[in-house]
Amino acid sequence: MRELAAAGWQSDERFAGAFAASKTERGYGPLRIIAELKECGIDAETIAVSIRTGDPCWEERMLQARVRHFGTRVPADRKERARQARYLVNRGFIPERVRRALDTDD
């Protein structure tokens, strides 16, 4: 592995950046991306840089993920709001921001 890194064929920074960009494009939030990068053995500093590199607007990404999965209709009741909130939290978005976003749709 060290030989690959020394030859420039393997880079945790490149991997983390590409991984974060791919997951962001697929509608995942920062908490999920961070957790998955940790599982891959990427160090905290590299993760922080990879999450900041694309600097996406996470709230906008969260709303796009919601619309893609549930459509443009706002949650009609508490049960539907809870279902949408669970989906977004499981995708890795910050629970407080999810609650705020769903509460402003009223």
N, C-alpha and C. Protein backbone atom coordinates (compact mmCIF):
# COMPACT_ATOMS: atom_id res chain seq x y z
N MET A 1 0.82 -1.19 0.00
CA MET A 1 0.00 0.00 0.00
C MET A 1 0.87 1.25 0.00
N ARG A 2 1.94 1.24 0.78
CA ARG A 2 2.83 2.41 0.83
C ARG A 2 3.51 2.63 -0.51
N GLU A 3 3.80 1.54 -1.20
CA GLU A 3 4.42 1.66 -2.52
C GLU A 3 3.48 2.36 -3.49
N LEU A 4 2.20 2.01 -3.40
CA LEU A 4 1.20 2.65 -4.27
C LEU A 4 1.10 4.13 -3.97
N ALA A 5 1.06 4.48 -2.69
CA ALA A 5 0.98 5.89 -2.30
C ALA A 5 2.23 6.64 -2.73
N ALA A 6 3.39 6.02 -2.55
CA ALA A 6 4.65 6.66 -2.94
C ALA A 6 4.71 6.89 -4.45
N ALA A 7 4.15 5.98 -5.21
CA ALA A 7 4.14 6.11 -6.66
C ALA A 7 3.05 7.07 -7.15
N GLY A 8 2.19 7.54 -6.24
CA GLY A 8 1.12 8.46 -6.61
C GLY A 8 -0.11 7.77 -7.18
N TRP A 9 -0.19 6.46 -7.01
CA TRP A 9 -1.32 5.70 -7.53
C TRP A 9 -2.46 5.60 -6.54
N GLN A 10 -2.16 5.84 -5.30
CA GLN A 10 -3.17 5.75 -4.25
C GLN A 10 -3.07 7.00 -3.40
N SER A 11 -4.21 7.65 -3.17
CA SER A 11 -4.23 8.87 -2.37
C SER A 11 -5.53 8.92 -1.58
N ASP A 12 -5.42 8.95 -0.27
CA ASP A 12 -6.62 9.07 0.56
C ASP A 12 -7.35 10.37 0.28
N GLU A 13 -6.61 11.43 0.00
CA GLU A 13 -7.23 12.73 -0.27
C GLU A 13 -8.07 12.69 -1.55
N ARG A 14 -7.50 12.11 -2.60
CA ARG A 14 -8.25 11.99 -3.86
C ARG A 14 -9.47 11.09 -3.68
N PHE A 15 -9.27 9.97 -3.01
CA PHE A 15 -10.38 9.06 -2.77
C PHE A 15 -11.49 9.75 -1.99
N ALA A 16 -11.13 10.41 -0.89
CA ALA A 16 -12.14 11.05 -0.03
C ALA A 16 -12.88 12.15 -0.79
N GLY A 17 -12.16 12.93 -1.58
CA GLY A 17 -12.80 13.99 -2.36
C GLY A 17 -13.77 13.44 -3.39
N ALA A 18 -13.35 12.43 -4.11
CA ALA A 18 -14.22 11.82 -5.13
C ALA A 18 -15.42 11.13 -4.48
N PHE A 19 -15.17 10.45 -3.36
CA PHE A 19 -16.24 9.75 -2.64
C PHE A 19 -17.28 10.75 -2.15
N ALA A 20 -16.81 11.85 -1.52
CA ALA A 20 -17.73 12.87 -1.00
C ALA A 20 -18.52 13.52 -2.12
N ALA A 21 -17.88 13.82 -3.22
CA ALA A 21 -18.58 14.44 -4.35
C ALA A 21 -19.64 13.51 -4.92
N SER A 22 -19.29 12.23 -5.05
CA SER A 22 -20.24 11.25 -5.58
C SER A 22 -21.45 11.10 -4.67
N LYS A 23 -21.21 10.96 -3.38
CA LYS A 23 -22.31 10.79 -2.43
C LYS A 23 -23.18 12.04 -2.36
N THR A 24 -22.55 13.21 -2.43
CA THR A 24 -23.30 14.47 -2.41
C THR A 24 -24.22 14.55 -3.62
N GLU A 25 -23.71 14.21 -4.78
CA GLU A 25 -24.53 14.22 -6.00
C GLU A 25 -25.68 13.23 -5.93
N ARG A 26 -25.50 12.15 -5.19
CA ARG A 26 -26.54 11.13 -5.08
C ARG A 26 -27.53 11.42 -3.96
N GLY A 27 -27.40 12.59 -3.32
CA GLY A 27 -28.40 13.02 -2.35
C GLY A 27 -28.13 12.65 -0.91
N TYR A 28 -26.88 12.35 -0.58
CA TYR A 28 -26.54 12.03 0.80
C TYR A 28 -26.03 13.27 1.51
N GLY A 29 -26.25 13.30 2.82
CA GLY A 29 -25.84 14.44 3.63
C GLY A 29 -24.49 14.24 4.27
N PRO A 30 -24.00 15.29 4.94
CA PRO A 30 -22.64 15.27 5.48
C PRO A 30 -22.41 14.21 6.55
N LEU A 31 -23.38 13.97 7.41
CA LEU A 31 -23.18 12.99 8.48
C LEU A 31 -22.98 11.58 7.94
N ARG A 32 -23.72 11.22 6.93
CA ARG A 32 -23.59 9.90 6.31
C ARG A 32 -22.25 9.77 5.59
N ILE A 33 -21.86 10.82 4.88
CA ILE A 33 -20.60 10.79 4.14
C ILE A 33 -19.43 10.66 5.11
N ILE A 34 -19.47 11.42 6.19
CA ILE A 34 -18.41 11.35 7.20
C ILE A 34 -18.32 9.95 7.78
N ALA A 35 -19.46 9.37 8.14
CA ALA A 35 -19.47 8.04 8.73
C ALA A 35 -18.90 6.99 7.76
N GLU A 36 -19.27 7.08 6.50
CA GLU A 36 -18.78 6.11 5.53
C GLU A 36 -17.29 6.28 5.27
N LEU A 37 -16.80 7.51 5.26
CA LEU A 37 -15.36 7.72 5.08
C LEU A 37 -14.58 7.19 6.28
N LYS A 38 -15.14 7.35 7.48
CA LYS A 38 -14.48 6.79 8.67
C LYS A 38 -14.40 5.28 8.57
N GLU A 39 -15.46 4.65 8.07
CA GLU A 39 -15.47 3.20 7.89
C GLU A 39 -14.39 2.76 6.90
N CYS A 40 -14.06 3.62 5.96
CA CYS A 40 -13.01 3.31 4.98
C CYS A 40 -11.61 3.55 5.54
N GLY A 41 -11.53 4.05 6.76
CA GLY A 41 -10.23 4.27 7.38
C GLY A 41 -9.59 5.61 7.06
N ILE A 42 -10.37 6.55 6.60
CA ILE A 42 -9.86 7.88 6.27
C ILE A 42 -9.79 8.70 7.56
N ASP A 43 -8.69 9.44 7.74
CA ASP A 43 -8.51 10.22 8.97
C ASP A 43 -9.41 11.46 8.98
N ALA A 44 -9.64 11.99 10.19
CA ALA A 44 -10.59 13.08 10.40
C ALA A 44 -10.23 14.34 9.62
N GLU A 45 -8.95 14.66 9.54
CA GLU A 45 -8.53 15.87 8.83
C GLU A 45 -8.84 15.77 7.34
N THR A 46 -8.56 14.62 6.76
CA THR A 46 -8.84 14.40 5.34
C THR A 46 -10.33 14.44 5.08
N ILE A 47 -11.11 13.88 5.99
CA ILE A 47 -12.56 13.92 5.86
C ILE A 47 -13.06 15.35 5.89
N ALA A 48 -12.57 16.14 6.84
CA ALA A 48 -13.00 17.53 6.95
C ALA A 48 -12.71 18.31 5.67
N VAL A 49 -11.55 18.08 5.09
CA VAL A 49 -11.18 18.77 3.86
C VAL A 49 -12.09 18.31 2.71
N SER A 50 -12.37 17.03 2.63
CA SER A 50 -13.19 16.52 1.52
C SER A 50 -14.64 17.00 1.63
N ILE A 51 -15.14 17.16 2.83
CA ILE A 51 -16.51 17.64 3.00
C ILE A 51 -16.59 19.13 2.66
N ARG A 52 -15.57 19.90 3.01
CA ARG A 52 -15.54 21.33 2.72
C ARG A 52 -15.21 21.63 1.26
N THR A 53 -14.50 20.75 0.60
CA THR A 53 -14.00 21.02 -0.75
C THR A 53 -15.12 21.39 -1.70
N GLY A 54 -16.14 20.57 -1.78
CA GLY A 54 -17.26 20.88 -2.67
C GLY A 54 -18.12 22.00 -2.14
N ASP A 55 -18.10 22.20 -0.84
CA ASP A 55 -18.86 23.23 -0.13
C ASP A 55 -20.29 23.36 -0.65
N PRO A 56 -21.02 22.25 -0.74
CA PRO A 56 -22.40 22.35 -1.21
C PRO A 56 -23.28 23.00 -0.15
N CYS A 57 -24.34 23.55 -0.58
CA CYS A 57 -25.32 24.10 0.36
C CYS A 57 -26.15 22.90 0.83
N TRP A 58 -25.84 22.41 2.02
CA TRP A 58 -26.46 21.18 2.50
C TRP A 58 -27.98 21.29 2.63
N GLU A 59 -28.49 22.45 3.03
CA GLU A 59 -29.94 22.58 3.14
C GLU A 59 -30.61 22.49 1.78
N GLU A 60 -29.99 23.09 0.78
CA GLU A 60 -30.53 22.99 -0.58
C GLU A 60 -30.48 21.55 -1.06
N ARG A 61 -29.36 20.86 -0.80
CA ARG A 61 -29.24 19.45 -1.19
C ARG A 61 -30.29 18.60 -0.48
N MET A 62 -30.55 18.92 0.79
CA MET A 62 -31.54 18.18 1.56
C MET A 62 -32.93 18.35 0.93
N LEU A 63 -33.27 19.57 0.57
CA LEU A 63 -34.58 19.81 -0.04
C LEU A 63 -34.68 19.14 -1.41
N GLN A 64 -33.60 19.11 -2.16
CA GLN A 64 -33.60 18.41 -3.45
C GLN A 64 -33.82 16.91 -3.26
N ALA A 65 -33.18 16.34 -2.25
CA ALA A 65 -33.36 14.91 -1.96
C ALA A 65 -34.80 14.62 -1.57
N ARG A 66 -35.39 15.51 -0.80
CA ARG A 66 -36.78 15.35 -0.38
C ARG A 66 -37.72 15.40 -1.57
N VAL A 67 -37.54 16.39 -2.43
CA VAL A 67 -38.40 16.53 -3.61
C VAL A 67 -38.22 15.35 -4.55
N ARG A 68 -36.98 14.89 -4.71
CA ARG A 68 -36.73 13.75 -5.60
C ARG A 68 -37.44 12.49 -5.09
N HIS A 69 -37.48 12.32 -3.77
CA HIS A 69 -38.06 11.11 -3.21
C HIS A 69 -39.58 11.22 -2.97
N PHE A 70 -40.03 12.40 -2.52
CA PHE A 70 -41.43 12.55 -2.13
C PHE A 70 -42.25 13.45 -3.05
N GLY A 71 -41.63 14.12 -3.99
CA GLY A 71 -42.34 15.05 -4.84
C GLY A 71 -42.42 16.43 -4.19
N THR A 72 -43.14 17.32 -4.82
CA THR A 72 -43.18 18.70 -4.36
C THR A 72 -44.22 18.96 -3.28
N ARG A 73 -45.11 18.01 -3.06
CA ARG A 73 -46.15 18.22 -2.03
C ARG A 73 -45.53 18.26 -0.65
N VAL A 74 -45.99 19.21 0.14
CA VAL A 74 -45.50 19.31 1.52
C VAL A 74 -46.19 18.25 2.36
N PRO A 75 -45.58 17.84 3.47
CA PRO A 75 -46.21 16.83 4.33
C PRO A 75 -47.58 17.31 4.81
N ALA A 76 -48.58 16.45 4.68
CA ALA A 76 -49.94 16.83 5.02
C ALA A 76 -50.22 16.71 6.51
N ASP A 77 -49.52 15.83 7.20
CA ASP A 77 -49.78 15.63 8.62
C ASP A 77 -48.49 15.24 9.34
N ARG A 78 -48.60 15.04 10.64
CA ARG A 78 -47.42 14.72 11.45
C ARG A 78 -46.78 13.39 11.05
N LYS A 79 -47.63 12.43 10.69
CA LYS A 79 -47.11 11.12 10.32
C LYS A 79 -46.25 11.21 9.06
N GLU A 80 -46.74 11.95 8.07
CA GLU A 80 -45.97 12.12 6.83
C GLU A 80 -44.72 12.96 7.07
N ARG A 81 -44.83 13.98 7.90
CA ARG A 81 -43.66 14.80 8.22
C ARG A 81 -42.59 13.94 8.90
N ALA A 82 -43.02 13.08 9.82
CA ALA A 82 -42.08 12.19 10.51
C ALA A 82 -41.43 11.21 9.53
N ARG A 83 -42.20 10.71 8.59
CA ARG A 83 -41.66 9.79 7.59
C ARG A 83 -40.59 10.46 6.73
N GLN A 84 -40.88 11.68 6.31
CA GLN A 84 -39.92 12.41 5.50
C GLN A 84 -38.68 12.77 6.32
N ALA A 85 -38.89 13.14 7.57
CA ALA A 85 -37.76 13.48 8.44
C ALA A 85 -36.86 12.26 8.64
N ARG A 86 -37.45 11.09 8.89
CA ARG A 86 -36.65 9.86 9.05
C ARG A 86 -35.83 9.58 7.80
N TYR A 87 -36.44 9.74 6.66
CA TYR A 87 -35.73 9.50 5.39
C TYR A 87 -34.51 10.41 5.28
N LEU A 88 -34.71 11.69 5.55
CA LEU A 88 -33.61 12.66 5.40
C LEU A 88 -32.51 12.45 6.45
N VAL A 89 -32.90 12.14 7.67
CA VAL A 89 -31.91 11.88 8.71
C VAL A 89 -31.11 10.62 8.35
N ASN A 90 -31.78 9.59 7.86
CA ASN A 90 -31.08 8.37 7.44
C ASN A 90 -30.14 8.61 6.26
N ARG A 91 -30.42 9.62 5.45
CA ARG A 91 -29.54 9.97 4.34
C ARG A 91 -28.32 10.75 4.82
N GLY A 92 -28.35 11.18 6.09
CA GLY A 92 -27.17 11.85 6.64
C GLY A 92 -27.29 13.34 6.82
N PHE A 93 -28.50 13.86 6.79
CA PHE A 93 -28.68 15.28 7.01
C PHE A 93 -28.88 15.54 8.50
N ILE A 94 -28.53 16.72 8.94
CA ILE A 94 -28.55 17.07 10.36
C ILE A 94 -29.99 17.19 10.84
N PRO A 95 -30.35 16.43 11.90
CA PRO A 95 -31.74 16.39 12.36
C PRO A 95 -32.37 17.76 12.63
N GLU A 96 -31.65 18.65 13.26
CA GLU A 96 -32.21 19.98 13.55
C GLU A 96 -32.56 20.73 12.27
N ARG A 97 -31.70 20.63 11.28
CA ARG A 97 -31.98 21.30 10.00
C ARG A 97 -33.14 20.65 9.28
N VAL A 98 -33.26 19.33 9.41
CA VAL A 98 -34.39 18.62 8.81
C VAL A 98 -35.69 19.12 9.43
N ARG A 99 -35.73 19.17 10.76
CA ARG A 99 -36.95 19.65 11.44
C ARG A 99 -37.30 21.06 11.00
N ARG A 100 -36.30 21.94 10.98
CA ARG A 100 -36.55 23.33 10.57
C ARG A 100 -37.08 23.40 9.15
N ALA A 101 -36.49 22.64 8.25
CA ALA A 101 -36.91 22.66 6.85
C ALA A 101 -38.34 22.16 6.68
N LEU A 102 -38.68 21.11 7.39
CA LEU A 102 -40.04 20.57 7.28
C LEU A 102 -41.06 21.45 7.98
N ASP A 103 -40.65 22.14 9.04
CA ASP A 103 -41.58 23.04 9.73
C ASP A 103 -41.86 24.28 8.91
N THR A 104 -40.91 24.74 8.10
CA THR A 104 -41.14 25.95 7.30
C THR A 104 -41.99 25.67 6.08
N ASP A 105 -42.22 24.40 5.75
CA ASP A 105 -43.05 24.07 4.59
C ASP A 105 -44.54 24.21 4.88
N ASP A 106 -44.90 24.45 6.13
CA ASP A 106 -46.32 24.53 6.47
C ASP A 106 -46.97 25.60 5.71
